[in-house]
C-alpha atoms as a PDB file:
ATOM      1  CA  MET A   1       2.570   0.762  -7.901  1.00  0.00           C
ATOM      2  CA  GLY A   2       3.804   3.818  -6.072  1.00  0.00           C
ATOM      3  CA  THR A   3       6.535   5.456  -8.083  1.00  0.00           C
ATOM      4  CA  SER A   4       8.135   7.203  -5.131  1.00  0.00           C
ATOM      5  CA  GLN A   5       9.367   4.043  -3.464  1.00  0.00           C
ATOM      6  CA  ARG A   6      10.862   0.764  -4.542  1.00  0.00           C
ATOM      7  CA  GLN A   7       8.525  -2.105  -3.628  1.00  0.00           C
ATOM      8  CA  SER A   8      11.096  -4.936  -3.588  1.00  0.00           C
ATOM      9  CA  ILE A   9      14.777  -5.669  -3.913  1.00  0.00           C
ATOM     10  CA  ALA A  10      14.119  -8.913  -5.818  1.00  0.00           C
ATOM     11  CA  PRO A  11      14.558  -8.412  -9.572  1.00  0.00           C
ATOM     12  CA  ALA A  12      11.891 -11.006 -10.424  1.00  0.00           C
ATOM     13  CA  ALA A  13       9.346  -9.342  -8.126  1.00  0.00           C
ATOM     14  CA  LEU A  14      10.111  -5.936  -9.652  1.00  0.00           C
ATOM     15  CA  ALA A  15       9.567  -7.370 -13.133  1.00  0.00           C
ATOM     16  CA  ILE A  16       6.189  -8.775 -12.096  1.00  0.00           C
ATOM     17  CA  LEU A  17       5.156  -5.466 -10.505  1.00  0.00           C
ATOM     18  CA  GLU A  18       6.228  -3.528 -13.610  1.00  0.00           C
ATOM     19  CA  ARG A  19       4.312  -5.917 -15.869  1.00  0.00           C
ATOM     20  CA  ALA A  20       1.196  -5.636 -13.696  1.00  0.00           C
ATOM     21  CA  ALA A  21       1.409  -1.841 -13.856  1.00  0.00           C
ATOM     22  CA  ALA A  22       1.894  -1.912 -17.640  1.00  0.00           C
ATOM     23  CA  GLU A  23      -1.134  -4.174 -18.091  1.00  0.00           C
ATOM     24  CA  GLY A  24      -3.274  -2.163 -15.685  1.00  0.00           C
ATOM     25  CA  ASP A  25      -3.562  -4.970 -13.140  1.00  0.00           C
ATOM     26  CA  SER A  26      -3.792  -4.075  -9.473  1.00  0.00           C
ATOM     27  CA  THR A  27      -1.386  -5.363  -6.867  1.00  0.00           C
ATOM     28  CA  ALA A  28      -1.391  -5.170  -3.092  1.00  0.00           C
ATOM     29  CA  PHE A  29       0.936  -2.175  -3.397  1.00  0.00           C
ATOM     30  CA  SER A  30      -1.252  -0.313  -5.895  1.00  0.00           C
ATOM     31  CA  ARG A  31      -4.382  -0.957  -3.836  1.00  0.00           C
ATOM     32  CA  VAL A  32      -2.789   0.338  -0.636  1.00  0.00           C
ATOM     33  CA  ASP A  33      -1.593   3.442  -2.512  1.00  0.00           C
ATOM     34  CA  GLU A  34      -5.240   4.126  -3.409  1.00  0.00           C
ATOM     35  CA  MET A  35      -6.615   3.623   0.129  1.00  0.00           C
ATOM     36  CA  LYS A  36      -7.674   6.591   2.192  1.00  0.00           C
ATOM     37  CA  PRO A  37      -6.286   6.786   5.747  1.00  0.00           C
ATOM     38  CA  CYS A  38      -8.553   5.617   8.535  1.00  0.00           C
ATOM     39  CA  PRO A  39     -10.176   8.736  10.006  1.00  0.00           C
ATOM     40  CA  VAL A  40     -10.137   7.314  13.541  1.00  0.00           C
ATOM     41  CA  ALA A  41      -6.451   6.400  13.518  1.00  0.00           C
ATOM     42  CA  GLU A  42      -5.571   9.588  11.672  1.00  0.00           C
ATOM     43  CA  ARG A  43      -6.931  11.640  14.617  1.00  0.00           C
ATOM     44  CA  ASN A  44      -5.379   9.284  17.229  1.00  0.00           C
ATOM     45  CA  VAL A  45      -8.827   8.627  18.713  1.00  0.00           C
ATOM     46  CA  TYR A  46      -8.459   4.877  18.967  1.00  0.00           C
ATOM     47  CA  SER A  47      -7.616   2.651  21.915  1.00  0.00           C
ATOM     48  CA  TRP A  48      -6.944  -1.013  22.418  1.00  0.00           C
ATOM     49  CA  VAL A  49      -9.109  -1.928  25.407  1.00  0.00           C
ATOM     50  CA  GLY A  50     -11.006   0.104  27.945  1.00  0.00           C
ATOM     51  CA  GLY A  51     -10.368   3.523  26.465  1.00  0.00           C
ATOM     52  CA  ARG A  52      -6.691   3.748  27.337  1.00  0.00           C
END
């Protein structure tokens, strides 16, 4: 889990996230922290339809 931001305001959810981190289990938050940015979107070279 990213330490720079709080992932939830729910105490029970925070406890689960802390336990997962302590046990070395991944969560959706930890996996997204590890993802690299999309190179296409990072350069703003994407479009929705027809090259707009």
